[in-house]
């Protein structure tokens, strides 16, 4: 087997990086009630999902809001794309152990992705879509251009909706309630996020052991074939 070059990144290392980003997102979910008013950009840096973007839109300056949200939402995409292009099968095995069900989603998505790949990247550039973009050999320039365009459009749309919603009296009442009970909400969110993080880390440990065992079996078979 050819030796790995000095510049080649292990797929497991990329998965570890993705897990770290995932854990940061869970931390954002856990402390959202504490950060949404006082540290909105910190919250967006941890997890710029649609809910957090909408909740912070009304009191966050436009330029930093767009920059932080855009960069955070794009952070994982090239890693998934690279794994899809270079180590699709092994990456899917590892990710399915850290996020059970992803293999089933990918297999179900393959037929329609081949027909609507560009539209999929524009509308929903998540883990499954970015893996499939790499797997399908979509050109990097195409992937980046449609991904950035679609993500920026989504950030601007959610901000517009969030600014409008912030003006509603019902939203103001809900926000006031959340602030009054932010510690209870934060403790509850922290407990849920911690449980989810433990599950992810256990899955990563199992994936690491499984990939090591798989690699050892391959190595043993190669040695036996040379005897």
C-alpha atoms as a PDB file:
ATOM      1  CA  UNK A   1       0.000   0.000   0.000  1.00  0.00           C
ATOM      2  CA  UNK A   2       1.304   3.490  -0.758  1.00  0.00           C
ATOM      3  CA  UNK A   3       2.608   5.427   2.221  1.00  0.00           C
ATOM      4  CA  UNK A   4       0.652   8.405   3.390  1.00  0.00           C
ATOM      5  CA  UNK A   5       2.265  11.692   2.372  1.00  0.00           C
ATOM      6  CA  UNK A   6       3.410  14.152   5.007  1.00  0.00           C
ATOM      7  CA  UNK A   7       0.697  16.621   4.004  1.00  0.00           C
ATOM      8  CA  UNK A   8      -2.179  14.125   3.927  1.00  0.00           C
ATOM      9  CA  UNK A   9      -4.583  14.518   6.814  1.00  0.00           C
ATOM     10  CA  UNK A  10      -5.954  11.435   8.511  1.00  0.00           C
ATOM     11  CA  UNK A  11      -9.718  11.074   8.043  1.00  0.00           C
ATOM     12  CA  UNK A  12      -9.974  10.296  11.750  1.00  0.00           C
ATOM     13  CA  UNK A  13      -8.260  13.621  12.549  1.00  0.00           C
ATOM     14  CA  UNK A  14     -10.841  15.420  10.429  1.00  0.00           C
ATOM     15  CA  UNK A  15     -13.647  13.561  12.186  1.00  0.00           C
ATOM     16  CA  UNK A  16     -12.149  14.579  15.557  1.00  0.00           C
ATOM     17  CA  UNK A  17     -12.160  18.209  14.370  1.00  0.00           C
ATOM     18  CA  UNK A  18     -15.783  17.842  13.305  1.00  0.00           C
ATOM     19  CA  UNK A  19     -16.680  16.339  16.668  1.00  0.00           C
ATOM     20  CA  UNK A  20     -14.977  19.297  18.400  1.00  0.00           C
ATOM     21  CA  UNK A  21     -17.090  21.705  16.343  1.00  0.00           C
ATOM     22  CA  UNK A  22     -20.166  19.629  17.175  1.00  0.00           C
ATOM     23  CA  UNK A  23     -19.379  19.869  20.882  1.00  0.00           C
ATOM     24  CA  UNK A  24     -18.951  23.643  20.548  1.00  0.00           C
ATOM     25  CA  UNK A  25     -22.425  23.723  19.033  1.00  0.00           C
ATOM     26  CA  UNK A  26     -23.818  21.787  21.979  1.00  0.00           C
ATOM     27  CA  UNK A  27     -22.135  24.254  24.337  1.00  0.00           C
ATOM     28  CA  UNK A  28     -23.884  27.049  22.452  1.00  0.00           C
ATOM     29  CA  UNK A  29     -27.212  25.283  22.907  1.00  0.00           C
ATOM     30  CA  UNK A  30     -26.495  24.756  26.621  1.00  0.00           C
ATOM     31  CA  UNK A  31     -25.648  28.394  27.356  1.00  0.00           C
ATOM     32  CA  UNK A  32     -27.903  30.074  24.793  1.00  0.00           C
ATOM     33  CA  UNK A  33     -30.169  31.526  27.486  1.00  0.00           C
ATOM     34  CA  UNK A  34     -27.167  33.213  29.141  1.00  0.00           C
ATOM     35  CA  UNK A  35     -25.509  34.413  25.928  1.00  0.00           C
ATOM     36  CA  UNK A  36     -28.353  35.432  23.653  1.00  0.00           C
ATOM     37  CA  UNK A  37     -28.725  38.945  25.109  1.00  0.00           C
ATOM     38  CA  UNK A  38     -25.308  39.714  26.609  1.00  0.00           C
ATOM     39  CA  UNK A  39     -22.946  37.866  24.229  1.00  0.00           C
ATOM     40  CA  UNK A  40     -24.807  37.290  20.956  1.00  0.00           C
ATOM     41  CA  UNK A  41     -21.661  37.010  18.823  1.00  0.00           C
ATOM     42  CA  UNK A  42     -20.186  34.425  21.211  1.00  0.00           C
ATOM     43  CA  UNK A  43     -23.369  32.413  20.870  1.00  0.00           C
ATOM     44  CA  UNK A  44     -23.212  32.639  17.077  1.00  0.00           C
ATOM     45  CA  UNK A  45     -19.549  31.617  17.087  1.00  0.00           C
ATOM     46  CA  UNK A  46     -20.454  28.508  19.082  1.00  0.00           C
ATOM     47  CA  UNK A  47     -23.579  27.630  17.120  1.00  0.00           C
ATOM     48  CA  UNK A  48     -25.069  29.776  14.362  1.00  0.00           C
ATOM     49  CA  UNK A  49     -28.185  27.685  13.822  1.00  0.00           C
ATOM     50  CA  UNK A  50     -31.375  29.283  12.546  1.00  0.00           C
ATOM     51  CA  UNK A  51     -32.868  29.681  16.037  1.00  0.00           C
ATOM     52  CA  UNK A  52     -29.813  31.424  17.472  1.00  0.00           C
ATOM     53  CA  UNK A  53     -29.482  33.682  14.426  1.00  0.00           C
ATOM     54  CA  UNK A  54     -33.140  34.683  14.686  1.00  0.00           C
ATOM     55  CA  UNK A  55     -32.925  35.331  18.435  1.00  0.00           C
ATOM     56  CA  UNK A  56     -29.815  37.528  18.128  1.00  0.00           C
ATOM     57  CA  UNK A  57     -30.779  39.406  14.943  1.00  0.00           C
ATOM     58  CA  UNK A  58     -32.685  42.204  16.613  1.00  0.00           C
ATOM     59  CA  UNK A  59     -29.835  43.435  18.841  1.00  0.00           C
ATOM     60  CA  UNK A  60     -26.638  42.557  16.931  1.00  0.00           C
ATOM     61  CA  UNK A  61     -24.910  44.945  14.458  1.00  0.00           C
ATOM     62  CA  UNK A  62     -25.317  43.866  10.835  1.00  0.00           C
ATOM     63  CA  UNK A  63     -21.684  43.397   9.718  1.00  0.00           C
ATOM     64  CA  UNK A  64     -20.358  41.308  12.657  1.00  0.00           C
ATOM     65  CA  UNK A  65     -23.593  39.328  12.708  1.00  0.00           C
ATOM     66  CA  UNK A  66     -23.255  38.358   9.041  1.00  0.00           C
ATOM     67  CA  UNK A  67     -19.501  37.668   9.203  1.00  0.00           C
ATOM     68  CA  UNK A  68     -19.623  35.486  12.330  1.00  0.00           C
ATOM     69  CA  UNK A  69     -22.754  33.611  11.239  1.00  0.00           C
ATOM     70  CA  UNK A  70     -21.419  33.004   7.733  1.00  0.00           C
ATOM     71  CA  UNK A  71     -18.009  31.773   8.874  1.00  0.00           C
ATOM     72  CA  UNK A  72     -19.473  29.535  11.573  1.00  0.00           C
ATOM     73  CA  UNK A  73     -21.972  27.941   9.217  1.00  0.00           C
ATOM     74  CA  UNK A  74     -19.251  27.351   6.607  1.00  0.00           C
ATOM     75  CA  UNK A  75     -16.733  25.961   9.115  1.00  0.00           C
ATOM     76  CA  UNK A  76     -17.599  22.274   8.826  1.00  0.00           C
ATOM     77  CA  UNK A  77     -18.540  22.127   5.152  1.00  0.00           C
ATOM     78  CA  UNK A  78     -15.080  21.838   3.551  1.00  0.00           C
ATOM     79  CA  UNK A  79     -14.140  19.102   6.031  1.00  0.00           C
ATOM     80  CA  UNK A  80     -17.165  17.023   5.083  1.00  0.00           C
ATOM     81  CA  UNK A  81     -16.523  17.730   1.401  1.00  0.00           C
ATOM     82  CA  UNK A  82     -12.886  16.606   1.714  1.00  0.00           C
ATOM     83  CA  UNK A  83     -13.886  13.409   3.501  1.00  0.00           C
ATOM     84  CA  UNK A  84     -16.496  12.701   0.844  1.00  0.00           C
ATOM     85  CA  UNK A  85     -13.968  13.198  -1.942  1.00  0.00           C
ATOM     86  CA  UNK A  86     -11.091  11.216  -0.424  1.00  0.00           C
ATOM     87  CA  UNK A  87     -12.330   8.744   2.210  1.00  0.00           C
ATOM     88  CA  UNK A  88     -16.067   8.497   1.727  1.00  0.00           C
ATOM     89  CA  UNK A  89     -16.647   4.929   2.938  1.00  0.00           C
ATOM     90  CA  UNK A  90     -14.446   5.097   6.040  1.00  0.00           C
ATOM     91  CA  UNK A  91     -15.708   8.593   6.920  1.00  0.00           C
ATOM     92  CA  UNK A  92     -19.322   7.450   6.745  1.00  0.00           C
ATOM     93  CA  UNK A  93     -18.564   4.452   8.982  1.00  0.00           C
ATOM     94  CA  UNK A  94     -16.941   6.664  11.621  1.00  0.00           C
ATOM     95  CA  UNK A  95     -19.593   9.378  11.451  1.00  0.00           C
ATOM     96  CA  UNK A  96     -22.382   6.804  11.704  1.00  0.00           C
ATOM     97  CA  UNK A  97     -20.939   5.702  15.035  1.00  0.00           C
ATOM     98  CA  UNK A  98     -20.742   9.260  16.386  1.00  0.00           C
ATOM     99  CA  UNK A  99     -24.080  10.287  14.847  1.00  0.00           C
ATOM    100  CA  UNK A 100     -26.171   7.127  14.423  1.00  0.00           C
ATOM    101  CA  UNK A 101     -28.415   7.214  11.372  1.00  0.00           C
ATOM    102  CA  UNK A 102     -26.159   9.217   9.072  1.00  0.00           C
ATOM    103  CA  UNK A 103     -25.377   6.137   6.946  1.00  0.00           C
ATOM    104  CA  UNK A 104     -29.075   5.538   6.332  1.00  0.00           C
ATOM    105  CA  UNK A 105     -29.601   9.200   5.403  1.00  0.00           C
ATOM    106  CA  UNK A 106     -26.682   9.150   2.978  1.00  0.00           C
ATOM    107  CA  UNK A 107     -27.819   5.982   1.221  1.00  0.00           C
ATOM    108  CA  UNK A 108     -31.351   7.367   0.924  1.00  0.00           C
ATOM    109  CA  UNK A 109     -30.060  10.686  -0.427  1.00  0.00           C
ATOM    110  CA  UNK A 110     -27.691   9.392  -3.121  1.00  0.00           C
ATOM    111  CA  UNK A 111     -30.279   8.952  -5.920  1.00  0.00           C
ATOM    112  CA  UNK A 112     -31.794  12.411  -5.704  1.00  0.00           C
ATOM    113  CA  UNK A 113     -28.468  14.122  -4.953  1.00  0.00           C
ATOM    114  CA  UNK A 114     -27.067  13.031  -8.314  1.00  0.00           C
ATOM    115  CA  UNK A 115     -29.969  14.873  -9.987  1.00  0.00           C
ATOM    116  CA  UNK A 116     -30.172  17.973  -7.784  1.00  0.00           C
ATOM    117  CA  UNK A 117     -26.635  18.343  -6.381  1.00  0.00           C
ATOM    118  CA  UNK A 118     -26.226  22.098  -6.924  1.00  0.00           C
ATOM    119  CA  UNK A 119     -29.685  22.882  -5.541  1.00  0.00           C
ATOM    120  CA  UNK A 120     -29.011  20.661  -2.511  1.00  0.00           C
ATOM    121  CA  UNK A 121     -25.771  22.500  -1.671  1.00  0.00           C
ATOM    122  CA  UNK A 122     -27.502  25.861  -2.015  1.00  0.00           C
ATOM    123  CA  UNK A 123     -30.480  24.969   0.160  1.00  0.00           C
ATOM    124  CA  UNK A 124     -29.102  22.588   2.806  1.00  0.00           C
ATOM    125  CA  UNK A 125     -25.291  22.281   2.926  1.00  0.00           C
ATOM    126  CA  UNK A 126     -25.145  20.059   5.989  1.00  0.00           C
ATOM    127  CA  UNK A 127     -23.054  16.978   6.734  1.00  0.00           C
ATOM    128  CA  UNK A 128     -24.905  14.610   4.401  1.00  0.00           C
ATOM    129  CA  UNK A 129     -25.010  17.014   1.458  1.00  0.00           C
ATOM    130  CA  UNK A 130     -21.349  18.055   1.774  1.00  0.00           C
ATOM    131  CA  UNK A 131     -20.201  14.428   2.040  1.00  0.00           C
ATOM    132  CA  UNK A 132     -22.193  13.596  -1.080  1.00  0.00           C
ATOM    133  CA  UNK A 133     -20.790  16.642  -2.878  1.00  0.00           C
ATOM    134  CA  UNK A 134     -17.301  15.258  -2.347  1.00  0.00           C
ATOM    135  CA  UNK A 135     -18.380  11.702  -3.173  1.00  0.00           C
ATOM    136  CA  UNK A 136     -19.986  12.826  -6.450  1.00  0.00           C
ATOM    137  CA  UNK A 137     -16.756  14.615  -7.461  1.00  0.00           C
ATOM    138  CA  UNK A 138     -18.424  18.011  -7.638  1.00  0.00           C
ATOM    139  CA  UNK A 139     -15.758  20.540  -8.627  1.00  0.00           C
ATOM    140  CA  UNK A 140     -14.367  22.442  -5.631  1.00  0.00           C
ATOM    141  CA  UNK A 141     -15.032  25.799  -7.321  1.00  0.00           C
ATOM    142  CA  UNK A 142     -18.671  24.848  -7.880  1.00  0.00           C
ATOM    143  CA  UNK A 143     -19.052  23.574  -4.325  1.00  0.00           C
ATOM    144  CA  UNK A 144     -17.580  26.728  -2.796  1.00  0.00           C
ATOM    145  CA  UNK A 145     -19.463  29.190  -4.982  1.00  0.00           C
ATOM    146  CA  UNK A 146     -22.924  27.679  -4.481  1.00  0.00           C
ATOM    147  CA  UNK A 147     -22.259  26.916  -0.806  1.00  0.00           C
ATOM    148  CA  UNK A 148     -21.193  30.467   0.040  1.00  0.00           C
ATOM    149  CA  UNK A 149     -24.052  31.923  -2.011  1.00  0.00           C
ATOM    150  CA  UNK A 150     -26.682  29.695  -0.399  1.00  0.00           C
ATOM    151  CA  UNK A 151     -25.327  30.157   3.130  1.00  0.00           C
ATOM    152  CA  UNK A 152     -25.106  33.941   2.806  1.00  0.00           C
ATOM    153  CA  UNK A 153     -28.648  34.098   1.425  1.00  0.00           C
ATOM    154  CA  UNK A 154     -29.880  32.022   4.373  1.00  0.00           C
ATOM    155  CA  UNK A 155     -28.069  34.195   6.939  1.00  0.00           C
ATOM    156  CA  UNK A 156     -29.576  37.361   5.436  1.00  0.00           C
ATOM    157  CA  UNK A 157     -33.061  35.831   5.252  1.00  0.00           C
ATOM    158  CA  UNK A 158     -32.982  34.609   8.869  1.00  0.00           C
ATOM    159  CA  UNK A 159     -31.701  37.995  10.029  1.00  0.00           C
ATOM    160  CA  UNK A 160     -34.543  39.759   8.248  1.00  0.00           C
ATOM    161  CA  UNK A 161     -37.085  37.418   9.827  1.00  0.00           C
ATOM    162  CA  UNK A 162     -35.410  37.721  13.239  1.00  0.00           C
ATOM    163  CA  UNK A 163     -35.487  41.527  13.164  1.00  0.00           C
ATOM    164  CA  UNK A 164     -39.192  41.486  12.301  1.00  0.00           C
ATOM    165  CA  UNK A 165     -40.011  38.870  14.942  1.00  0.00           C
ATOM    166  CA  UNK A 166     -38.141  40.865  17.609  1.00  0.00           C
ATOM    167  CA  UNK A 167     -40.746  43.601  17.177  1.00  0.00           C
ATOM    168  CA  UNK A 168     -43.667  41.306  18.042  1.00  0.00           C
ATOM    169  CA  UNK A 169     -45.114  41.667  21.533  1.00  0.00           C
ATOM    170  CA  UNK A 170     -45.373  37.889  21.959  1.00  0.00           C
ATOM    171  CA  UNK A 171     -41.674  37.553  21.226  1.00  0.00           C
ATOM    172  CA  UNK A 172     -40.873  40.297  23.744  1.00  0.00           C
ATOM    173  CA  UNK A 173     -42.863  38.464  26.423  1.00  0.00           C
ATOM    174  CA  UNK A 174     -41.165  35.148  25.630  1.00  0.00           C
ATOM    175  CA  UNK A 175     -37.755  36.818  25.683  1.00  0.00           C
ATOM    176  CA  UNK A 176     -38.525  38.457  29.035  1.00  0.00           C
ATOM    177  CA  UNK A 177     -39.609  35.094  30.474  1.00  0.00           C
ATOM    178  CA  UNK A 178     -36.440  33.411  29.180  1.00  0.00           C
ATOM    179  CA  UNK A 179     -34.249  36.104  30.705  1.00  0.00           C
ATOM    180  CA  UNK A 180     -36.026  35.869  34.056  1.00  0.00           C
ATOM    181  CA  UNK A 181     -35.467  32.099  34.097  1.00  0.00           C
ATOM    182  CA  UNK A 182     -32.189  31.982  32.216  1.00  0.00           C
ATOM    183  CA  UNK A 183     -30.284  30.140  34.952  1.00  0.00           C
ATOM    184  CA  UNK A 184     -32.814  27.324  35.150  1.00  0.00           C
ATOM    185  CA  UNK A 185     -32.906  27.119  31.354  1.00  0.00           C
ATOM    186  CA  UNK A 186     -29.097  27.140  31.195  1.00  0.00           C
ATOM    187  CA  UNK A 187     -28.744  24.349  33.793  1.00  0.00           C
ATOM    188  CA  UNK A 188     -31.326  22.237  31.954  1.00  0.00           C
ATOM    189  CA  UNK A 189     -29.652  22.917  28.612  1.00  0.00           C
ATOM    190  CA  UNK A 190     -26.236  22.119  30.068  1.00  0.00           C
ATOM    191  CA  UNK A 191     -27.460  18.755  31.355  1.00  0.00           C
ATOM    192  CA  UNK A 192     -28.961  17.858  27.991  1.00  0.00           C
ATOM    193  CA  UNK A 193     -25.884  19.043  26.086  1.00  0.00           C
ATOM    194  CA  UNK A 194     -23.557  17.145  28.410  1.00  0.00           C
ATOM    195  CA  UNK A 195     -25.490  13.933  27.884  1.00  0.00           C
ATOM    196  CA  UNK A 196     -25.378  14.459  24.116  1.00  0.00           C
ATOM    197  CA  UNK A 197     -21.639  15.229  24.230  1.00  0.00           C
ATOM    198  CA  UNK A 198     -20.926  12.064  26.231  1.00  0.00           C
ATOM    199  CA  UNK A 199     -22.862  10.056  23.654  1.00  0.00           C
ATOM    200  CA  UNK A 200     -20.862  11.597  20.804  1.00  0.00           C
ATOM    201  CA  UNK A 201     -17.530  10.956  22.527  1.00  0.00           C
ATOM    202  CA  UNK A 202     -18.464   7.341  23.251  1.00  0.00           C
ATOM    203  CA  UNK A 203     -19.366   6.945  19.598  1.00  0.00           C
ATOM    204  CA  UNK A 204     -16.015   8.431  18.562  1.00  0.00           C
ATOM    205  CA  UNK A 205     -14.170   6.029  20.876  1.00  0.00           C
ATOM    206  CA  UNK A 206     -16.010   3.056  19.382  1.00  0.00           C
ATOM    207  CA  UNK A 207     -15.350   4.346  15.867  1.00  0.00           C
ATOM    208  CA  UNK A 208     -11.638   4.713  16.610  1.00  0.00           C
ATOM    209  CA  UNK A 209     -11.469   1.155  17.954  1.00  0.00           C
ATOM    210  CA  UNK A 210     -13.435  -0.213  14.994  1.00  0.00           C
ATOM    211  CA  UNK A 211     -11.236   1.565  12.437  1.00  0.00           C
ATOM    212  CA  UNK A 212      -8.081   0.325  14.203  1.00  0.00           C
ATOM    213  CA  UNK A 213      -9.422  -3.240  14.135  1.00  0.00           C
ATOM    214  CA  UNK A 214     -10.332  -2.876  10.470  1.00  0.00           C
ATOM    215  CA  UNK A 215      -6.869  -1.521   9.652  1.00  0.00           C
ATOM    216  CA  UNK A 216      -5.210  -4.366  11.570  1.00  0.00           C
ATOM    217  CA  UNK A 217      -7.237  -6.976   9.668  1.00  0.00           C
ATOM    218  CA  UNK A 218      -6.257  -5.399   6.347  1.00  0.00           C
ATOM    219  CA  UNK A 219      -2.605  -5.331   7.349  1.00  0.00           C
ATOM    220  CA  UNK A 220      -2.753  -8.976   8.437  1.00  0.00           C
ATOM    221  CA  UNK A 221      -4.358 -10.033   5.160  1.00  0.00           C
ATOM    222  CA  UNK A 222      -1.663  -8.209   3.169  1.00  0.00           C
ATOM    223  CA  UNK A 223       1.072  -9.923   5.178  1.00  0.00           C
ATOM    224  CA  UNK A 224      -0.527 -13.317   4.596  1.00  0.00           C
ATOM    225  CA  UNK A 225      -0.838 -12.653   0.865  1.00  0.00           C
ATOM    226  CA  UNK A 226       2.948 -12.172   0.612  1.00  0.00           C
ATOM    227  CA  UNK A 227       3.774 -15.473   2.279  1.00  0.00           C
END
